[in-house]
Amino acid sequence: MKIAIPTDKGQVSAHFGHCEEFTIYDVNESEKRVNSKECITNPGHQPGFLPRFLAKQGINCIIAGGMGLKAKQLFDQNNIQTITGAAGIVDEVIQDYLEGNLISNESYCDHHE
């Protein structure tokens, strides 16, 4: 499984579309471990672009601080699970996710993308 976390200086970005980069984790959920980690620069925020871009990267899930409802719908259309309301250091957030301890408040921004 591949998980993307929008990242700013090692922290989960408050809004996925405006992050500096995406930290991509290839994880083994059953063994609760990270197989690999890479960072890719955000290619730019354009309406509807990032969900398709991340789908092409093979992403299955995105963990973010927040995102617009339209973005969530576009991720759904690309079969990418969204988890919002995350905060903190990305390596700790991915570990919390794998251990089933990630707290999400399903926070969506109230603007249109």
C-alpha atoms as a PDB file:
ATOM      1  CA  MET A   1       0.000   0.000   0.000  1.00  0.00           C
ATOM      2  CA  LYS A   2       1.248   3.497  -0.820  1.00  0.00           C
ATOM      3  CA  ILE A   3       0.327   6.419   1.397  1.00  0.00           C
ATOM      4  CA  ALA A   4       1.009  10.095   0.649  1.00  0.00           C
ATOM      5  CA  ILE A   5       1.275  12.747   3.338  1.00  0.00           C
ATOM      6  CA  PRO A   6       1.430  16.415   2.292  1.00  0.00           C
ATOM      7  CA  THR A   7       4.486  17.746   4.086  1.00  0.00           C
ATOM      8  CA  ASP A   8       5.959  21.091   5.135  1.00  0.00           C
ATOM      9  CA  LYS A   9       9.351  20.920   6.873  1.00  0.00           C
ATOM     10  CA  GLY A  10       8.750  17.367   8.156  1.00  0.00           C
ATOM     11  CA  GLN A  11       5.263  18.139   9.477  1.00  0.00           C
ATOM     12  CA  VAL A  12       1.837  17.256   8.091  1.00  0.00           C
ATOM     13  CA  SER A  13       0.714  20.223   6.011  1.00  0.00           C
ATOM     14  CA  ALA A  14      -2.491  21.911   7.134  1.00  0.00           C
ATOM     15  CA  HIS A  15      -3.773  21.867   3.544  1.00  0.00           C
ATOM     16  CA  PHE A  16      -2.673  19.203   1.102  1.00  0.00           C
ATOM     17  CA  GLY A  17      -2.741  21.350  -2.058  1.00  0.00           C
ATOM     18  CA  HIS A  18      -0.347  23.987  -0.762  1.00  0.00           C
ATOM     19  CA  CYS A  19       2.321  21.722   0.743  1.00  0.00           C
ATOM     20  CA  GLU A  20       6.009  21.897  -0.181  1.00  0.00           C
ATOM     21  CA  GLU A  21       6.209  18.189  -0.943  1.00  0.00           C
ATOM     22  CA  PHE A  22       4.533  14.822  -0.520  1.00  0.00           C
ATOM     23  CA  THR A  23       6.134  12.162   1.645  1.00  0.00           C
ATOM     24  CA  ILE A  24       5.286   8.820   0.043  1.00  0.00           C
ATOM     25  CA  TYR A  25       5.365   5.703   2.195  1.00  0.00           C
ATOM     26  CA  ASP A  26       5.200   2.164   0.850  1.00  0.00           C
ATOM     27  CA  VAL A  27       3.851   0.232   3.836  1.00  0.00           C
ATOM     28  CA  ASN A  28       3.059  -3.311   4.855  1.00  0.00           C
ATOM     29  CA  GLU A  29      -0.114  -2.886   6.887  1.00  0.00           C
ATOM     30  CA  SER A  30      -0.233  -6.444   8.220  1.00  0.00           C
ATOM     31  CA  GLU A  31       3.316  -6.171   9.566  1.00  0.00           C
ATOM     32  CA  LYS A  32       2.791  -2.543  10.616  1.00  0.00           C
ATOM     33  CA  ARG A  33       6.005  -1.356   8.997  1.00  0.00           C
ATOM     34  CA  VAL A  34       7.275   1.087   6.421  1.00  0.00           C
ATOM     35  CA  ASN A  35       9.006  -0.600   3.480  1.00  0.00           C
ATOM     36  CA  SER A  36      10.256   2.620   1.897  1.00  0.00           C
ATOM     37  CA  LYS A  37       9.906   6.377   2.041  1.00  0.00           C
ATOM     38  CA  GLU A  38      10.473   9.037  -0.604  1.00  0.00           C
ATOM     39  CA  CYS A  39       9.691  12.724  -0.949  1.00  0.00           C
ATOM     40  CA  ILE A  40       8.430  14.299  -4.145  1.00  0.00           C
ATOM     41  CA  THR A  41       8.045  18.024  -4.729  1.00  0.00           C
ATOM     42  CA  ASN A  42       4.493  19.283  -5.044  1.00  0.00           C
ATOM     43  CA  PRO A  43       4.113  19.909  -8.790  1.00  0.00           C
ATOM     44  CA  GLY A  44       1.699  22.763  -8.137  1.00  0.00           C
ATOM     45  CA  HIS A  45      -1.819  23.430  -6.961  1.00  0.00           C
ATOM     46  CA  GLN A  46      -4.324  23.419  -9.812  1.00  0.00           C
ATOM     47  CA  PRO A  47      -7.995  22.480  -9.433  1.00  0.00           C
ATOM     48  CA  GLY A  48      -8.409  18.718  -9.882  1.00  0.00           C
ATOM     49  CA  PHE A  49      -4.762  18.032 -10.770  1.00  0.00           C
ATOM     50  CA  LEU A  50      -3.287  16.574  -7.570  1.00  0.00           C
ATOM     51  CA  PRO A  51      -5.758  13.691  -7.114  1.00  0.00           C
ATOM     52  CA  ARG A  52      -4.965  12.486 -10.655  1.00  0.00           C
ATOM     53  CA  PHE A  53      -1.225  13.086 -10.191  1.00  0.00           C
ATOM     54  CA  LEU A  54      -1.145  11.072  -6.952  1.00  0.00           C
ATOM     55  CA  ALA A  55      -3.248   8.295  -8.497  1.00  0.00           C
ATOM     56  CA  LYS A  56      -0.598   7.993 -11.240  1.00  0.00           C
ATOM     57  CA  GLN A  57       2.020   7.614  -8.478  1.00  0.00           C
ATOM     58  CA  GLY A  58       0.109   4.538  -7.260  1.00  0.00           C
ATOM     59  CA  ILE A  59      -1.165   6.179  -4.077  1.00  0.00           C
ATOM     60  CA  ASN A  60      -3.916   4.260  -2.238  1.00  0.00           C
ATOM     61  CA  CYS A  61      -4.420   6.651   0.679  1.00  0.00           C
ATOM     62  CA  ILE A  62      -3.676  10.266   1.585  1.00  0.00           C
ATOM     63  CA  ILE A  63      -3.329  11.462   5.155  1.00  0.00           C
ATOM     64  CA  ALA A  64      -3.693  15.236   5.421  1.00  0.00           C
ATOM     65  CA  GLY A  65      -4.346  18.035   7.836  1.00  0.00           C
ATOM     66  CA  GLY A  66      -7.227  19.320   5.739  1.00  0.00           C
ATOM     67  CA  MET A  67      -8.570  19.549   2.215  1.00  0.00           C
ATOM     68  CA  GLY A  68     -11.551  20.894   0.355  1.00  0.00           C
ATOM     69  CA  LEU A  69     -14.648  18.764  -0.124  1.00  0.00           C
ATOM     70  CA  LYS A  70     -14.167  18.851  -3.907  1.00  0.00           C
ATOM     71  CA  ALA A  71     -10.641  17.433  -3.490  1.00  0.00           C
ATOM     72  CA  LYS A  72     -12.003  14.630  -1.295  1.00  0.00           C
ATOM     73  CA  GLN A  73     -14.582  13.821  -3.967  1.00  0.00           C
ATOM     74  CA  LEU A  74     -11.851  13.726  -6.633  1.00  0.00           C
ATOM     75  CA  PHE A  75      -9.754  11.391  -4.486  1.00  0.00           C
ATOM     76  CA  ASP A  76     -12.824   9.164  -4.063  1.00  0.00           C
ATOM     77  CA  GLN A  77     -13.254   9.096  -7.859  1.00  0.00           C
ATOM     78  CA  ASN A  78      -9.612   7.988  -8.159  1.00  0.00           C
ATOM     79  CA  ASN A  79     -10.105   5.243  -5.529  1.00  0.00           C
ATOM     80  CA  ILE A  80      -7.828   6.974  -3.031  1.00  0.00           C
ATOM     81  CA  GLN A  81      -8.885   6.868   0.618  1.00  0.00           C
ATOM     82  CA  THR A  82      -8.618  10.215   2.427  1.00  0.00           C
ATOM     83  CA  ILE A  83      -7.892  10.721   6.098  1.00  0.00           C
ATOM     84  CA  THR A  84      -7.946  14.316   7.294  1.00  0.00           C
ATOM     85  CA  GLY A  85      -7.367  16.071  10.567  1.00  0.00           C
ATOM     86  CA  ALA A  86      -3.856  14.658  11.034  1.00  0.00           C
ATOM     87  CA  ALA A  87      -1.086  16.804  12.525  1.00  0.00           C
ATOM     88  CA  GLY A  88       2.496  16.424  13.648  1.00  0.00           C
ATOM     89  CA  ILE A  89       5.719  14.879  12.404  1.00  0.00           C
ATOM     90  CA  VAL A  90       5.023  12.773   9.303  1.00  0.00           C
ATOM     91  CA  ASP A  91       7.106   9.764  10.431  1.00  0.00           C
ATOM     92  CA  GLU A  92       5.147   9.663  13.699  1.00  0.00           C
ATOM     93  CA  VAL A  93       1.807  10.089  11.896  1.00  0.00           C
ATOM     94  CA  ILE A  94       2.495   7.137   9.575  1.00  0.00           C
ATOM     95  CA  GLN A  95       3.479   4.977  12.550  1.00  0.00           C
ATOM     96  CA  ASP A  96       0.291   5.990  14.406  1.00  0.00           C
ATOM     97  CA  TYR A  97      -1.695   5.045  11.286  1.00  0.00           C
ATOM     98  CA  LEU A  98      -0.043   1.630  11.037  1.00  0.00           C
ATOM     99  CA  GLU A  99      -0.642   0.949  14.730  1.00  0.00           C
ATOM    100  CA  GLY A 100      -4.292   2.047  14.509  1.00  0.00           C
ATOM    101  CA  ASN A 101      -3.712   5.058  16.757  1.00  0.00           C
ATOM    102  CA  LEU A 102      -4.177   7.889  14.264  1.00  0.00           C
ATOM    103  CA  ILE A 103      -6.813  10.332  15.445  1.00  0.00           C
ATOM    104  CA  SER A 104      -8.723  11.965  12.605  1.00  0.00           C
ATOM    105  CA  ASN A 105     -11.358  14.639  12.885  1.00  0.00           C
ATOM    106  CA  GLU A 106     -12.352  14.466   9.178  1.00  0.00           C
ATOM    107  CA  SER A 107     -11.531  18.153   8.756  1.00  0.00           C
ATOM    108  CA  TYR A 108     -12.475  19.609   5.404  1.00  0.00           C
ATOM    109  CA  CYS A 109     -11.744  23.129   4.280  1.00  0.00           C
ATOM    110  CA  ASP A 110     -14.837  25.069   3.292  1.00  0.00           C
ATOM    111  CA  HIS A 111     -13.482  26.452   0.034  1.00  0.00           C
ATOM    112  CA  HIS A 112     -13.682  25.113  -3.491  1.00  0.00           C
ATOM    113  CA  GLU A 113     -10.746  23.675  -5.389  1.00  0.00           C
END
